[in-house]
Amino acid sequence: MKTKVLFIINPISGVHKSKKAEKYISELINKERFDISLMYTEHKGHGIDISRENAGKYDIIAAVGGDGTVNEVAMGLAGNTDTALAIIPTGSGNGLARHMGIKMSLKKNLKRFNNYKKFSADTVSLNGNFFMNVSGTGFDAHVADVFNTFGQRGLKNYAKVTIKEFFSYKPAKYTITDDNNNTITTEAFAISFANSSQFGNNAYISPQADISDGLIDVVIVKRFPVWKTPALAIRMFTKNMHKSRYTTILRGKKFIIDSETPQPVHLDGDSIKTTFPVNLNINHGNIMIYGPGER
């Protein structure tokens, strides 16, 4: 019996890549082993609906798009371990795909698709929302919030917003409580909630994070001198962020993050509306992944 695969394609995520993805899916997927279907997202949140409606009907549902598409499809599949999530990245960051060792080349990825393996992975719930990669509060959430209303997308414009906001951003005070009721209060530039190791583009916020270990990495980046920014950036891109004196990493299954003042929160890079305190809970092994066996 053939393995049934549904490819959910976001047509506006890397438009040219999406077109190429359709072509390569047809050309490179082993038709003797896989029975292939294609569907397309039409609006934000549509990936959740499609994957939820088709979970159990297919052996694998593949998200063809950027981090937002991947997160939507994952949300639709979370808790249904009969259907595995596969990732065909066509976005700009592709954090989860890079963490998993998936090739950014569509051709290479789809050639290897034929021999990927299934394994269980974790999701994290954040005040009722789900994510698989990296979410957080503080500066990166502030940038995501500003970028959400910027009007122009793309990595270049995201970099413009980041640089502009960096010099005026003021760190906030947070109280963090872990699953053993240990509490710390700290002033932080940013706090990341990492299920995987990186934001995307090989920017590693928590190099030792693992999507299957049953733990959330809460990465606290404390206030730092402006002149230290290049050194911290180098650490992030060389997998050494955890060694910085300005970084503290807490690991656990549950966390409550509170703040004296309302703060923005991002979910895998997308700004969301939620309230503090932020409740984080690991959902260990509640999603199946179809991907490279070695990560």
Protein backbone atom coordinates (compact mmCIF):
# COMPACT_ATOMS: atom_id res chain seq x y z
CA MET A 1 0.00 0.00 0.00
CA LYS A 2 1.31 3.46 -0.91
CA THR A 3 2.03 6.12 1.70
CA LYS A 4 -0.49 8.95 1.32
CA VAL A 5 1.05 12.44 1.35
CA LEU A 6 -0.74 15.79 1.27
CA PHE A 7 1.40 18.80 0.36
CA ILE A 8 -0.11 22.03 1.74
CA ILE A 9 1.39 24.85 -0.33
CA ASN A 10 1.42 28.51 0.64
CA PRO A 11 1.45 30.17 -2.80
CA ILE A 12 2.66 33.54 -1.50
CA SER A 13 5.62 32.23 0.52
CA GLY A 14 8.61 32.63 -1.79
CA VAL A 15 6.34 32.81 -4.86
CA HIS A 16 8.93 31.47 -7.32
CA LYS A 17 9.93 28.70 -4.90
CA SER A 18 6.31 27.63 -4.51
CA LYS A 19 6.00 27.19 -8.28
CA LYS A 20 9.26 25.23 -8.35
CA ALA A 21 8.04 23.11 -5.43
CA GLU A 22 5.01 21.97 -7.44
CA LYS A 23 7.27 20.99 -10.35
CA TYR A 24 9.83 19.16 -8.19
CA ILE A 25 7.14 17.33 -6.18
CA SER A 26 5.80 15.95 -9.43
CA GLU A 27 9.26 15.07 -10.76
CA LEU A 28 11.19 13.85 -7.71
CA ILE A 29 8.78 12.11 -5.32
CA ASN A 30 8.78 8.36 -5.77
CA LYS A 31 5.33 7.62 -7.25
CA GLU A 32 5.68 3.89 -6.59
CA ARG A 33 5.98 4.55 -2.87
CA PHE A 34 3.88 7.71 -2.38
CA ASP A 35 0.34 8.71 -3.35
CA ILE A 36 0.49 12.52 -3.66
CA SER A 37 -2.16 15.24 -3.27
CA LEU A 38 -1.77 19.05 -3.30
CA MET A 39 -3.81 21.76 -1.57
CA TYR A 40 -3.22 25.51 -1.30
CA THR A 41 -3.67 27.95 1.56
CA GLU A 42 -5.88 30.95 0.78
CA HIS A 43 -5.55 33.07 3.91
CA LYS A 44 -3.83 33.27 7.29
CA GLY A 45 -4.82 30.34 9.48
CA HIS A 46 -5.97 28.22 6.53
CA GLY A 47 -3.07 25.79 7.05
CA ILE A 48 -4.49 24.93 10.49
CA ASP A 49 -7.91 24.16 9.03
CA ILE A 50 -6.60 22.06 6.13
CA SER A 51 -4.24 19.98 8.27
CA ARG A 52 -6.82 19.49 11.03
CA GLU A 53 -9.48 18.38 8.56
CA ASN A 54 -7.10 15.94 6.87
CA ALA A 55 -5.25 14.57 9.91
CA GLY A 56 -5.80 10.82 9.94
CA LYS A 57 -6.69 10.74 6.25
CA TYR A 58 -3.03 11.00 5.20
CA ASP A 59 0.13 9.35 6.52
CA ILE A 60 2.15 12.55 6.01
CA ILE A 61 1.12 16.19 5.63
CA ALA A 62 3.90 18.39 4.27
CA ALA A 63 4.01 22.15 4.86
CA VAL A 64 5.38 23.94 1.79
CA GLY A 65 6.11 27.48 2.91
CA GLY A 66 7.84 29.56 5.55
CA ASP A 67 7.84 29.38 9.35
CA GLY A 68 4.25 30.63 9.55
CA THR A 69 2.96 27.88 7.26
CA VAL A 70 4.93 25.23 9.14
CA ASN A 71 3.53 26.44 12.45
CA GLU A 72 -0.05 26.41 11.12
CA VAL A 73 0.22 22.87 9.78
CA ALA A 74 1.88 21.73 13.02
CA MET A 75 -0.96 23.27 15.06
CA GLY A 76 -3.48 21.33 12.99
CA LEU A 77 -1.61 18.06 13.56
CA ALA A 78 -0.64 18.46 17.23
CA GLY A 79 -2.09 15.61 19.25
CA ASN A 80 -2.78 13.43 16.19
CA THR A 81 0.24 11.14 15.99
CA ASP A 82 -1.21 9.05 13.12
CA THR A 83 -0.19 11.74 10.62
CA ALA A 84 3.37 13.04 10.45
CA LEU A 85 4.49 16.60 9.66
CA ALA A 86 7.02 17.10 6.87
CA ILE A 87 8.62 20.43 5.99
CA ILE A 88 9.43 21.77 2.53
CA PRO A 89 10.88 25.23 3.36
CA THR A 90 10.31 28.09 0.92
CA GLY A 91 10.47 31.00 3.38
CA SER A 92 13.32 33.25 4.48
CA GLY A 93 14.09 32.10 8.04
CA ASN A 94 13.12 28.40 8.07
CA GLY A 95 14.21 27.96 11.69
CA LEU A 96 12.65 24.56 12.41
CA ALA A 97 13.71 23.13 9.05
CA ARG A 98 17.31 24.23 9.60
CA HIS A 99 17.26 22.82 13.15
CA MET A 100 16.18 19.47 11.72
CA GLY A 101 18.95 19.47 9.12
CA ILE A 102 16.59 19.82 6.16
CA LYS A 103 18.27 21.09 3.00
CA MET A 104 17.23 24.56 1.86
CA SER A 105 17.55 23.45 -1.76
CA LEU A 106 14.11 22.29 -2.93
CA LYS A 107 15.67 19.73 -5.23
CA LYS A 108 17.91 18.22 -2.56
CA ASN A 109 15.15 18.19 0.03
CA LEU A 110 12.58 16.52 -2.23
CA LYS A 111 15.09 13.94 -3.43
CA ARG A 112 15.82 13.03 0.19
CA PHE A 113 12.11 13.09 1.06
CA ASN A 114 11.82 9.57 -0.35
CA ASN A 115 14.10 8.21 2.40
CA TYR A 116 13.22 10.33 5.44
CA LYS A 117 12.12 8.67 8.69
CA LYS A 118 9.38 9.27 11.25
CA PHE A 119 10.14 10.33 14.82
CA SER A 120 8.15 11.93 17.63
CA ALA A 121 8.67 15.56 18.64
CA ASP A 122 7.35 18.10 21.13
CA THR A 123 5.17 21.15 20.80
CA VAL A 124 4.81 23.93 23.37
CA SER A 125 1.56 25.56 24.43
CA LEU A 126 1.64 29.27 25.22
CA ASN A 127 -1.58 30.59 26.76
CA GLY A 128 -3.53 28.17 24.59
CA ASN A 129 -1.46 28.72 21.43
CA PHE A 130 0.93 26.10 20.03
CA PHE A 131 4.42 26.50 18.64
CA MET A 132 7.24 24.16 17.62
CA ASN A 133 10.22 26.43 17.09
CA VAL A 134 11.07 29.60 19.06
CA SER A 135 8.70 32.14 20.58
CA GLY A 136 9.34 34.86 23.12
CA THR A 137 8.89 38.29 24.62
CA GLY A 138 11.09 41.35 24.81
CA PHE A 139 13.00 42.93 21.95
CA ASP A 140 12.39 40.32 19.25
CA ALA A 141 8.67 40.30 20.09
CA HIS A 142 8.68 44.11 19.95
CA VAL A 143 10.27 43.99 16.49
CA ALA A 144 7.72 41.40 15.34
CA ASP A 145 4.94 43.68 16.60
CA VAL A 146 6.32 46.73 14.75
CA PHE A 147 7.06 44.70 11.61
CA ASN A 148 3.49 43.41 11.62
CA THR A 149 2.27 46.93 10.75
CA PHE A 150 5.29 47.97 8.66
CA GLY A 151 3.57 47.23 5.37
CA GLN A 152 6.54 45.74 3.54
CA ARG A 153 7.78 42.18 4.09
CA GLY A 154 11.14 40.57 3.44
CA LEU A 155 14.40 40.03 5.32
CA LYS A 156 15.84 43.39 4.24
CA ASN A 157 12.89 45.33 5.67
CA TYR A 158 12.94 43.21 8.83
CA ALA A 159 16.60 44.18 9.30
CA LYS A 160 15.70 47.86 8.84
CA VAL A 161 13.03 47.67 11.55
CA THR A 162 15.39 45.78 13.89
CA ILE A 163 18.17 48.36 13.60
CA LYS A 164 15.78 51.30 13.98
CA GLU A 165 14.11 49.88 17.12
CA PHE A 166 17.30 48.62 18.75
CA PHE A 167 18.55 51.98 20.00
CA SER A 168 15.27 53.10 21.56
CA TYR A 169 14.18 49.80 23.11
CA LYS A 170 14.10 49.63 26.92
CA PRO A 171 14.44 46.25 28.70
CA ALA A 172 11.61 45.22 31.05
CA LYS A 173 11.44 43.41 34.39
CA TYR A 174 10.16 39.84 34.44
CA THR A 175 9.38 37.21 37.04
CA ILE A 176 9.98 33.62 35.92
CA THR A 177 8.68 30.59 37.81
CA ASP A 178 9.66 27.05 36.79
CA ASP A 179 7.94 23.69 37.33
CA ASN A 180 9.60 23.31 40.75
CA ASN A 181 8.19 26.67 41.90
CA ASN A 182 11.64 28.28 41.81
CA THR A 183 11.22 31.98 41.01
CA ILE A 184 13.66 34.56 39.70
CA THR A 185 13.14 38.24 38.92
CA THR A 186 15.30 39.74 36.21
CA GLU A 187 15.59 42.67 33.86
CA ALA A 188 15.84 41.27 30.34
CA PHE A 189 16.47 42.60 26.86
CA ALA A 190 14.67 39.53 25.52
CA ILE A 191 13.38 36.18 26.74
CA SER A 192 13.09 33.37 24.18
CA PHE A 193 11.05 30.22 24.64
CA ALA A 194 13.01 27.66 22.63
CA ASN A 195 11.75 24.26 21.60
CA SER A 196 14.37 24.10 18.86
CA SER A 197 17.80 25.68 18.64
CA GLN A 198 17.42 28.67 16.33
CA PHE A 199 15.24 31.55 15.15
CA GLY A 200 16.15 30.87 11.52
CA ASN A 201 18.94 31.78 9.09
CA ASN A 202 21.27 29.84 11.44
CA ALA A 203 20.87 32.35 14.29
CA TYR A 204 21.17 29.93 17.24
CA ILE A 205 19.53 31.32 20.38
CA SER A 206 19.75 28.01 22.31
CA PRO A 207 22.26 25.73 20.57
CA GLN A 208 21.60 22.72 22.81
CA ALA A 209 17.78 22.75 22.51
CA ASP A 210 16.17 19.62 21.09
CA ILE A 211 12.62 19.27 19.74
CA SER A 212 12.28 15.77 21.21
CA ASP A 213 13.78 16.12 24.73
CA GLY A 214 10.55 17.01 26.58
CA LEU A 215 11.97 20.33 27.80
CA ILE A 216 11.51 24.03 27.07
CA ASP A 217 14.64 26.20 27.03
CA VAL A 218 13.85 29.65 28.45
CA VAL A 219 16.70 31.86 27.25
CA ILE A 220 17.15 35.11 29.18
CA VAL A 221 19.27 37.73 27.43
CA LYS A 222 20.06 40.39 30.02
CA ARG A 223 20.68 44.07 29.36
CA PHE A 224 24.07 44.47 27.68
CA PRO A 225 26.23 47.42 26.55
CA VAL A 226 25.56 48.52 22.97
CA TRP A 227 29.21 47.99 22.06
CA LYS A 228 28.79 44.28 22.91
CA THR A 229 26.19 43.80 20.15
CA PRO A 230 28.64 42.54 17.45
CA ALA A 231 30.16 40.02 19.90
CA LEU A 232 26.70 38.69 20.84
CA ALA A 233 25.74 38.44 17.18
CA ILE A 234 28.89 36.42 16.48
CA ARG A 235 28.05 34.11 19.39
CA MET A 236 24.56 33.59 17.99
CA PHE A 237 25.80 32.62 14.53
CA THR A 238 28.59 30.39 15.86
CA LYS A 239 26.38 28.39 18.28
CA ASN A 240 27.96 29.98 21.36
CA MET A 241 25.10 32.13 22.69
CA HIS A 242 24.77 29.92 25.78
CA LYS A 243 28.36 30.77 26.79
CA SER A 244 27.76 34.53 27.04
CA ARG A 245 27.78 36.16 30.48
CA TYR A 246 24.63 38.01 29.39
CA THR A 247 22.71 34.79 28.72
CA THR A 248 21.00 32.48 31.20
CA ILE A 249 19.18 29.33 30.07
CA LEU A 250 16.56 27.62 32.24
CA ARG A 251 15.18 24.21 31.29
CA GLY A 252 11.90 22.69 32.39
CA LYS A 253 8.50 21.32 31.43
CA LYS A 254 6.48 24.31 32.63
CA PHE A 255 7.14 28.01 33.13
CA ILE A 256 5.16 31.08 34.12
CA ILE A 257 6.59 34.38 32.87
CA ASP A 258 5.10 37.56 34.28
CA SER A 259 5.88 41.25 33.84
CA GLU A 260 4.99 44.42 35.72
CA THR A 261 4.01 46.07 32.44
CA PRO A 262 2.30 44.60 29.33
CA GLN A 263 4.84 43.24 26.83
CA PRO A 264 4.53 41.99 23.24
CA VAL A 265 4.81 38.27 22.55
CA HIS A 266 5.69 36.52 19.31
CA LEU A 267 4.77 33.00 18.25
CA ASP A 268 7.44 31.61 15.92
CA GLY A 269 8.15 35.14 14.71
CA ASP A 270 4.53 36.26 14.33
CA SER A 271 3.23 38.89 16.74
CA ILE A 272 0.21 37.66 18.73
CA LYS A 273 -2.24 39.24 21.12
CA THR A 274 -2.07 37.63 24.56
CA THR A 275 -1.91 38.70 28.18
CA PHE A 276 0.58 38.19 30.98
CA PRO A 277 1.36 35.99 32.77
CA VAL A 278 2.56 33.76 29.93
CA ASN A 279 2.03 30.07 30.75
CA LEU A 280 4.33 27.66 28.92
CA ASN A 281 3.79 23.90 28.92
CA ILE A 282 5.67 21.22 27.00
CA ASN A 283 3.59 18.68 25.10
CA HIS A 284 6.05 15.82 24.93
CA GLY A 285 5.87 13.59 21.86
CA ASN A 286 2.48 14.85 20.71
CA ILE A 287 3.44 15.27 17.06
CA MET A 288 5.13 12.97 14.56
CA ILE A 289 7.76 14.34 12.20
CA TYR A 290 8.79 12.94 8.84
CA GLY A 291 12.30 14.23 8.25
CA PRO A 292 16.04 13.53 8.37
CA GLY A 293 16.88 10.82 10.90
CA GLU A 294 20.01 12.65 12.12
CA ARG A 295 19.56 16.19 13.45
